[in-house]
């Protein structure tokens, strides 16, 4: 949701949440800029509900950097020696 689509109530709620969580001045500046709520990777809107869960979110759910998969062991691929 782009900045100009946030209602005053939504922006106030996000600002209170950021302040209550000890958010940085940079995050508050970003809240009041056009790029807040826009995915840095694909440019899609980040839903308001997602921003309420994580006000510092910079990526949409599709682009959220994922945790690397654990390394698979190849031991299970080797034949067992009796």
PDB file of N, CA and C in Angstrom:
ATOM      1  N   UNK A   1       0.851  -1.166   0.000  1.00  0.00           N
ATOM      2  CA  UNK A   1       0.000   0.000   0.000  1.00  0.00           C
ATOM      3  C   UNK A   1       0.897   1.229   0.000  1.00  0.00           C
ATOM      4  N   UNK A   2       0.804   2.048  -0.990  1.00  0.00           N
ATOM      5  CA  UNK A   2       1.657   3.218  -1.075  1.00  0.00           C
ATOM      6  C   UNK A   2       1.258   4.266  -0.050  1.00  0.00           C
ATOM      7  N   UNK A   3       2.202   5.101   0.288  1.00  0.00           N
ATOM      8  CA  UNK A   3       2.058   6.115   1.326  1.00  0.00           C
ATOM      9  C   UNK A   3       0.754   6.890   1.205  1.00  0.00           C
ATOM     10  N   UNK A   4       0.422   7.344   0.028  1.00  0.00           N
ATOM     11  CA  UNK A   4      -0.752   8.195  -0.111  1.00  0.00           C
ATOM     12  C   UNK A   4      -2.060   7.424   0.062  1.00  0.00           C
ATOM     13  N   UNK A   5      -2.002   6.119   0.177  1.00  0.00           N
ATOM     14  CA  UNK A   5      -3.207   5.329   0.416  1.00  0.00           C
ATOM     15  C   UNK A   5      -3.427   5.039   1.897  1.00  0.00           C
ATOM     16  N   UNK A   6      -2.454   5.317   2.748  1.00  0.00           N
ATOM     17  CA  UNK A   6      -2.649   5.119   4.176  1.00  0.00           C
ATOM     18  C   UNK A   6      -3.605   6.190   4.688  1.00  0.00           C
ATOM     19  N   UNK A   7      -4.537   5.775   5.502  1.00  0.00           N
ATOM     20  CA  UNK A   7      -5.394   6.770   6.147  1.00  0.00           C
ATOM     21  C   UNK A   7      -4.584   7.411   7.273  1.00  0.00           C
ATOM     22  N   UNK A   8      -5.056   8.534   7.756  1.00  0.00           N
ATOM     23  CA  UNK A   8      -4.373   9.179   8.884  1.00  0.00           C
ATOM     24  C   UNK A   8      -4.348   8.257  10.093  1.00  0.00           C
ATOM     25  N   UNK A   9      -5.437   7.517  10.291  1.00  0.00           N
ATOM     26  CA  UNK A   9      -5.508   6.598  11.420  1.00  0.00           C
ATOM     27  C   UNK A   9      -4.472   5.479  11.281  1.00  0.00           C
ATOM     28  N   UNK A  10      -4.301   4.964  10.048  1.00  0.00           N
ATOM     29  CA  UNK A  10      -3.320   3.901   9.825  1.00  0.00           C
ATOM     30  C   UNK A  10      -1.906   4.417  10.063  1.00  0.00           C
ATOM     31  N   UNK A  11      -1.603   5.593   9.550  1.00  0.00           N
ATOM     32  CA  UNK A  11      -0.264   6.155   9.764  1.00  0.00           C
ATOM     33  C   UNK A  11      -0.018   6.428  11.236  1.00  0.00           C
ATOM     34  N   UNK A  12      -1.023   6.948  11.926  1.00  0.00           N
ATOM     35  CA  UNK A  12      -0.878   7.196  13.366  1.00  0.00           C
ATOM     36  C   UNK A  12      -0.650   5.890  14.126  1.00  0.00           C
ATOM     37  N   UNK A  13      -1.392   4.848  13.761  1.00  0.00           N
ATOM     38  CA  UNK A  13      -1.232   3.546  14.420  1.00  0.00           C
ATOM     39  C   UNK A  13       0.169   2.991  14.181  1.00  0.00           C
ATOM     40  N   UNK A  14       0.653   3.101  12.959  1.00  0.00           N
ATOM     41  CA  UNK A  14       2.010   2.622  12.655  1.00  0.00           C
ATOM     42  C   UNK A  14       3.051   3.436  13.417  1.00  0.00           C
ATOM     43  N   UNK A  15       2.867   4.742  13.470  1.00  0.00           N
ATOM     44  CA  UNK A  15       3.815   5.594  14.185  1.00  0.00           C
ATOM     45  C   UNK A  15       3.838   5.259  15.671  1.00  0.00           C
ATOM     46  N   UNK A  16       2.667   5.065  16.277  1.00  0.00           N
ATOM     47  CA  UNK A  16       2.610   4.676  17.699  1.00  0.00           C
ATOM     48  C   UNK A  16       3.304   3.340  17.918  1.00  0.00           C
ATOM     49  N   UNK A  17       3.050   2.379  17.022  1.00  0.00           N
ATOM     50  CA  UNK A  17       3.665   1.062  17.142  1.00  0.00           C
ATOM     51  C   UNK A  17       5.182   1.151  17.050  1.00  0.00           C
ATOM     52  N   UNK A  18       5.667   1.934  16.095  1.00  0.00           N
ATOM     53  CA  UNK A  18       7.118   2.104  15.931  1.00  0.00           C
ATOM     54  C   UNK A  18       7.717   2.728  17.185  1.00  0.00           C
ATOM     55  N   UNK A  19       7.081   3.753  17.708  1.00  0.00           N
ATOM     56  CA  UNK A  19       7.586   4.421  18.918  1.00  0.00           C
ATOM     57  C   UNK A  19       7.536   3.484  20.118  1.00  0.00           C
ATOM     58  N   UNK A  20       6.438   2.728  20.256  1.00  0.00           N
ATOM     59  CA  UNK A  20       6.294   1.795  21.381  1.00  0.00           C
ATOM     60  C   UNK A  20       7.342   0.693  21.336  1.00  0.00           C
ATOM     61  N   UNK A  21       7.755   0.311  20.130  1.00  0.00           N
ATOM     62  CA  UNK A  21       8.753  -0.752  19.982  1.00  0.00           C
ATOM     63  C   UNK A  21      10.176  -0.191  19.992  1.00  0.00           C
ATOM     64  N   UNK A  22      10.316   1.096  20.231  1.00  0.00           N
ATOM     65  CA  UNK A  22      11.644   1.702  20.273  1.00  0.00           C
ATOM     66  C   UNK A  22      12.270   1.826  18.898  1.00  0.00           C
ATOM     67  N   UNK A  23      11.439   2.058  17.888  1.00  0.00           N
ATOM     68  CA  UNK A  23      11.928   2.181  16.515  1.00  0.00           C
ATOM     69  C   UNK A  23      12.834   3.383  16.336  1.00  0.00           C
ATOM     70  N   UNK A  24      13.649   3.329  15.321  1.00  0.00           N
ATOM     71  CA  UNK A  24      14.627   4.371  15.064  1.00  0.00           C
ATOM     72  C   UNK A  24      13.989   5.584  14.390  1.00  0.00           C
ATOM     73  N   UNK A  25      14.696   6.694  14.461  1.00  0.00           N
ATOM     74  CA  UNK A  25      14.246   7.913  13.784  1.00  0.00           C
ATOM     75  C   UNK A  25      14.217   7.681  12.279  1.00  0.00           C
ATOM     76  N   UNK A  26      15.131   6.849  11.782  1.00  0.00           N
ATOM     77  CA  UNK A  26      15.163   6.533  10.352  1.00  0.00           C
ATOM     78  C   UNK A  26      13.873   5.828   9.927  1.00  0.00           C
ATOM     79  N   UNK A  27      13.399   4.908  10.753  1.00  0.00           N
ATOM     80  CA  UNK A  27      12.163   4.188  10.435  1.00  0.00           C
ATOM     81  C   UNK A  27      10.971   5.144  10.439  1.00  0.00           C
ATOM     82  N   UNK A  28      10.954   6.084  11.382  1.00  0.00           N
ATOM     83  CA  UNK A  28       9.873   7.074  11.407  1.00  0.00           C
ATOM     84  C   UNK A  28       9.918   7.968  10.170  1.00  0.00           C
ATOM     85  N   UNK A  29      11.127   8.349   9.735  1.00  0.00           N
ATOM     86  CA  UNK A  29      11.254   9.140   8.499  1.00  0.00           C
ATOM     87  C   UNK A  29      10.747   8.339   7.308  1.00  0.00           C
ATOM     88  N   UNK A  30      11.088   7.060   7.281  1.00  0.00           N
ATOM     89  CA  UNK A  30      10.646   6.196   6.172  1.00  0.00           C
ATOM     90  C   UNK A  30       9.131   6.060   6.144  1.00  0.00           C
ATOM     91  N   UNK A  31       8.515   6.006   7.331  1.00  0.00           N
ATOM     92  CA  UNK A  31       7.059   5.902   7.424  1.00  0.00           C
ATOM     93  C   UNK A  31       6.383   7.052   6.681  1.00  0.00           C
ATOM     94  N   UNK A  32       6.989   8.217   6.728  1.00  0.00           N
ATOM     95  CA  UNK A  32       6.394   9.403   6.112  1.00  0.00           C
ATOM     96  C   UNK A  32       6.973   9.689   4.732  1.00  0.00           C
ATOM     97  N   UNK A  33       7.560   8.682   4.120  1.00  0.00           N
ATOM     98  CA  UNK A  33       8.089   8.841   2.759  1.00  0.00           C
ATOM     99  C   UNK A  33       7.295   7.959   1.802  1.00  0.00           C
ATOM    100  N   UNK A  34       7.321   8.277   0.517  1.00  0.00           N
ATOM    101  CA  UNK A  34       6.538   7.509  -0.461  1.00  0.00           C
ATOM    102  C   UNK A  34       6.952   6.043  -0.592  1.00  0.00           C
ATOM    103  N   UNK A  35       8.190   5.713  -0.247  1.00  0.00           N
ATOM    104  CA  UNK A  35       8.619   4.325  -0.433  1.00  0.00           C
ATOM    105  C   UNK A  35       8.250   3.400   0.724  1.00  0.00           C
ATOM    106  N   UNK A  36       7.727   3.952   1.824  1.00  0.00           N
ATOM    107  CA  UNK A  36       7.334   3.092   2.938  1.00  0.00           C
ATOM    108  C   UNK A  36       6.134   2.247   2.521  1.00  0.00           C
ATOM    109  N   UNK A  37       6.200   0.960   2.810  1.00  0.00           N
ATOM    110  CA  UNK A  37       5.103   0.057   2.463  1.00  0.00           C
ATOM    111  C   UNK A  37       5.191  -0.488   1.056  1.00  0.00           C
ATOM    112  N   UNK A  38       6.312  -0.209   0.382  1.00  0.00           N
ATOM    113  CA  UNK A  38       6.533  -0.700  -0.980  1.00  0.00           C
ATOM    114  C   UNK A  38       7.735  -1.638  -0.945  1.00  0.00           C
ATOM    115  N   UNK A  39       7.585  -2.836  -1.497  1.00  0.00           N
ATOM    116  CA  UNK A  39       8.655  -3.836  -1.510  1.00  0.00           C
ATOM    117  C   UNK A  39       9.874  -3.289  -2.236  1.00  0.00           C
ATOM    118  N   UNK A  40      11.036  -3.388  -1.601  1.00  0.00           N
ATOM    119  CA  UNK A  40      12.270  -2.903  -2.205  1.00  0.00           C
ATOM    120  C   UNK A  40      12.740  -3.781  -3.356  1.00  0.00           C
ATOM    121  N   UNK A  41      12.224  -4.992  -3.427  1.00  0.00           N
ATOM    122  CA  UNK A  41      12.659  -5.915  -4.465  1.00  0.00           C
ATOM    123  C   UNK A  41      11.793  -5.819  -5.720  1.00  0.00           C
ATOM    124  N   UNK A  42      10.474  -5.908  -5.556  1.00  0.00           N
ATOM    125  CA  UNK A  42       9.599  -5.975  -6.735  1.00  0.00           C
ATOM    126  C   UNK A  42       8.688  -4.762  -6.906  1.00  0.00           C
ATOM    127  N   UNK A  43       8.623  -3.892  -5.889  1.00  0.00           N
ATOM    128  CA  UNK A  43       7.791  -2.701  -5.988  1.00  0.00           C
ATOM    129  C   UNK A  43       6.326  -2.921  -5.646  1.00  0.00           C
ATOM    130  N   UNK A  44       5.976  -4.119  -5.203  1.00  0.00           N
ATOM    131  CA  UNK A  44       4.587  -4.403  -4.824  1.00  0.00           C
ATOM    132  C   UNK A  44       4.282  -3.758  -3.473  1.00  0.00           C
ATOM    133  N   UNK A  45       3.007  -3.534  -3.239  1.00  0.00           N
ATOM    134  CA  UNK A  45       2.580  -3.000  -1.950  1.00  0.00           C
ATOM    135  C   UNK A  45       2.732  -4.060  -0.864  1.00  0.00           C
ATOM    136  N   UNK A  46       3.201  -3.638   0.298  1.00  0.00           N
ATOM    137  CA  UNK A  46       3.247  -4.509   1.468  1.00  0.00           C
ATOM    138  C   UNK A  46       1.940  -4.254   2.211  1.00  0.00           C
ATOM    139  N   UNK A  47       1.131  -5.274   2.453  1.00  0.00           N
ATOM    140  CA  UNK A  47      -0.160  -5.061   3.098  1.00  0.00           C
ATOM    141  C   UNK A  47      -0.031  -4.383   4.465  1.00  0.00           C
ATOM    142  N   UNK A  48      -0.997  -3.546   4.773  1.00  0.00           N
ATOM    143  CA  UNK A  48      -1.023  -2.828   6.046  1.00  0.00           C
ATOM    144  C   UNK A  48      -0.941  -3.804   7.218  1.00  0.00           C
ATOM    145  N   UNK A  49      -1.634  -4.922   7.119  1.00  0.00           N
ATOM    146  CA  UNK A  49      -1.610  -5.903   8.214  1.00  0.00           C
ATOM    147  C   UNK A  49      -0.197  -6.439   8.433  1.00  0.00           C
ATOM    148  N   UNK A  50       0.559  -6.622   7.355  1.00  0.00           N
ATOM    149  CA  UNK A  50       1.948  -7.081   7.485  1.00  0.00           C
ATOM    150  C   UNK A  50       2.807  -6.005   8.133  1.00  0.00           C
ATOM    151  N   UNK A  51       2.548  -4.742   7.788  1.00  0.00           N
ATOM    152  CA  UNK A  51       3.311  -3.653   8.380  1.00  0.00           C
ATOM    153  C   UNK A  51       2.986  -3.507   9.862  1.00  0.00           C
ATOM    154  N   UNK A  52       1.755  -3.800  10.244  1.00  0.00           N
ATOM    155  CA  UNK A  52       1.399  -3.747  11.663  1.00  0.00           C
ATOM    156  C   UNK A  52       2.095  -4.857  12.442  1.00  0.00           C
ATOM    157  N   UNK A  53       2.353  -5.990  11.803  1.00  0.00           N
ATOM    158  CA  UNK A  53       3.079  -7.083  12.456  1.00  0.00           C
ATOM    159  C   UNK A  53       4.565  -6.783  12.513  1.00  0.00           C
ATOM    160  N   UNK A  54       5.077  -6.161  11.458  1.00  0.00           N
ATOM    161  CA  UNK A  54       6.501  -5.847  11.380  1.00  0.00           C
ATOM    162  C   UNK A  54       6.665  -4.497  10.685  1.00  0.00           C
ATOM    163  N   UNK A  55       6.619  -3.388  11.446  1.00  0.00           N
ATOM    164  CA  UNK A  55       6.651  -2.069  10.836  1.00  0.00           C
ATOM    165  C   UNK A  55       7.931  -1.771  10.057  1.00  0.00           C
ATOM    166  N   UNK A  56       8.996  -2.502  10.322  1.00  0.00           N
ATOM    167  CA  UNK A  56      10.248  -2.270   9.612  1.00  0.00           C
ATOM    168  C   UNK A  56      10.355  -3.099   8.331  1.00  0.00           C
ATOM    169  N   UNK A  57       9.282  -3.802   7.961  1.00  0.00           N
ATOM    170  CA  UNK A  57       9.317  -4.667   6.773  1.00  0.00           C
ATOM    171  C   UNK A  57       9.713  -3.871   5.539  1.00  0.00           C
ATOM    172  N   UNK A  58      10.607  -4.450   4.743  1.00  0.00           N
ATOM    173  CA  UNK A  58      11.057  -3.816   3.506  1.00  0.00           C
ATOM    174  C   UNK A  58      10.697  -4.648   2.279  1.00  0.00           C
ATOM    175  N   UNK A  59      10.186  -5.867   2.504  1.00  0.00           N
ATOM    176  CA  UNK A  59       9.874  -6.769   1.399  1.00  0.00           C
ATOM    177  C   UNK A  59       8.469  -7.332   1.558  1.00  0.00           C
ATOM    178  N   UNK A  60       7.819  -7.615   0.435  1.00  0.00           N
ATOM    179  CA  UNK A  60       6.512  -8.275   0.473  1.00  0.00           C
ATOM    180  C   UNK A  60       6.725  -9.755   0.818  1.00  0.00           C
ATOM    181  N   UNK A  61       5.633 -10.461   1.043  1.00  0.00           N
ATOM    182  CA  UNK A  61       5.733 -11.877   1.429  1.00  0.00           C
ATOM    183  C   UNK A  61       6.414 -12.711   0.347  1.00  0.00           C
ATOM    184  N   UNK A  62       6.219 -12.364  -0.924  1.00  0.00           N
ATOM    185  CA  UNK A  62       6.827 -13.136  -2.007  1.00  0.00           C
ATOM    186  C   UNK A  62       8.330 -12.927  -2.113  1.00  0.00           C
ATOM    187  N   UNK A  63       8.804 -11.764  -1.709  1.00  0.00           N
ATOM    188  CA  UNK A  63      10.225 -11.439  -1.864  1.00  0.00           C
ATOM    189  C   UNK A  63      11.002 -11.515  -0.559  1.00  0.00           C
ATOM    190  N   UNK A  64      10.323 -11.764   0.545  1.00  0.00           N
ATOM    191  CA  UNK A  64      10.987 -11.819   1.837  1.00  0.00           C
ATOM    192  C   UNK A  64      12.167 -12.779   1.753  1.00  0.00           C
ATOM    193  N   UNK A  65      13.360 -12.280   2.087  1.00  0.00           N
ATOM    194  CA  UNK A  65      14.510 -13.189   2.048  1.00  0.00           C
ATOM    195  C   UNK A  65      14.269 -14.385   2.961  1.00  0.00           C
ATOM    196  N   UNK A  66      14.454 -15.554   2.415  1.00  0.00           N
ATOM    197  CA  UNK A  66      14.195 -16.763   3.187  1.00  0.00           C
ATOM    198  C   UNK A  66      15.474 -17.252   3.841  1.00  0.00           C
ATOM    199  N   UNK A  67      15.294 -18.015   4.869  1.00  0.00           N
ATOM    200  CA  UNK A  67      16.431 -18.623   5.535  1.00  0.00           C
ATOM    201  C   UNK A  67      17.037 -19.657   4.594  1.00  0.00           C
ATOM    202  N   UNK A  68      18.347 -19.745   4.542  1.00  0.00           N
ATOM    203  CA  UNK A  68      18.940 -20.766   3.688  1.00  0.00           C
ATOM    204  C   UNK A  68      18.539 -22.161   4.150  1.00  0.00           C
ATOM    205  N   UNK A  69      18.357 -23.019   3.202  1.00  0.00           N
ATOM    206  CA  UNK A  69      18.011 -24.401   3.527  1.00  0.00           C
ATOM    207  C   UNK A  69      19.201 -25.077   4.180  1.00  0.00           C
ATOM    208  N   UNK A  70      18.946 -25.951   5.129  1.00  0.00           N
ATOM    209  CA  UNK A  70      20.065 -26.652   5.754  1.00  0.00           C
ATOM    210  C   UNK A  70      20.777 -27.525   4.719  1.00  0.00           C
ATOM    211  N   UNK A  71      22.068 -27.639   4.885  1.00  0.00           N
ATOM    212  CA  UNK A  71      22.843 -28.461   3.959  1.00  0.00           C
ATOM    213  C   UNK A  71      22.392 -29.911   4.063  1.00  0.00           C
ATOM    214  N   UNK A  72      22.167 -30.513   2.941  1.00  0.00           N
ATOM    215  CA  UNK A  72      21.748 -31.907   2.924  1.00  0.00           C
ATOM    216  C   UNK A  72      22.968 -32.805   3.004  1.00  0.00           C
ATOM    217  N   UNK A  73      22.826 -33.841   3.721  1.00  0.00           N
ATOM    218  CA  UNK A  73      23.903 -34.805   3.833  1.00  0.00           C
ATOM    219  C   UNK A  73      23.804 -35.791   2.666  1.00  0.00           C
ATOM    220  N   UNK A  74      24.935 -36.114   2.093  1.00  0.00           N
ATOM    221  CA  UNK A  74      24.933 -37.084   0.996  1.00  0.00           C
ATOM    222  C   UNK A  74      25.176 -38.491   1.523  1.00  0.00           C
ATOM    223  N   UNK A  75      25.328 -38.639   2.819  1.00  0.00           N
ATOM    224  CA  UNK A  75      25.585 -39.969   3.379  1.00  0.00           C
ATOM    225  C   UNK A  75      24.454 -40.933   3.071  1.00  0.00           C
ATOM    226  N   UNK A  76      23.240 -40.425   3.016  1.00  0.00           N
ATOM    227  CA  UNK A  76      22.108 -41.329   2.753  1.00  0.00           C
ATOM    228  C   UNK A  76      22.101 -41.808   1.289  1.00  0.00           C
ATOM    229  N   UNK A  77      22.873 -41.165   0.436  1.00  0.00           N
ATOM    230  CA  UNK A  77      22.942 -41.555  -0.962  1.00  0.00           C
ATOM    231  C   UNK A  77      23.992 -42.637  -1.209  1.00  0.00           C
ATOM    232  N   UNK A  78      24.909 -42.783  -0.277  1.00  0.00           N
ATOM    233  CA  UNK A  78      25.968 -43.781  -0.464  1.00  0.00           C
ATOM    234  C   UNK A  78      25.429 -45.166  -0.145  1.00  0.00           C
ATOM    235  N   UNK A  79      25.888 -46.171  -0.900  1.00  0.00           N
ATOM    236  CA  UNK A  79      25.442 -47.538  -0.597  1.00  0.00           C
ATOM    237  C   UNK A  79      25.996 -47.990   0.770  1.00  0.00           C
ATOM    238  N   UNK A  80      25.187 -48.760   1.436  1.00  0.00           N
ATOM    239  CA  UNK A  80      25.632 -49.290   2.729  1.00  0.00           C
ATOM    240  C   UNK A  80      26.584 -50.464   2.489  1.00  0.00           C
ATOM    241  N   UNK A  81      27.629 -50.465   3.242  1.00  0.00           N
ATOM    242  CA  UNK A  81      28.600 -51.555   3.136  1.00  0.00           C
ATOM    243  C   UNK A  81      28.341 -52.487   4.307  1.00  0.00           C
ATOM    244  N   UNK A  82      28.043 -53.756   3.996  1.00  0.00           N
ATOM    245  CA  UNK A  82      27.744 -54.702   5.090  1.00  0.00           C
ATOM    246  C   UNK A  82      28.943 -55.065   5.907  1.00  0.00           C
TER     247      UNK A  82
END
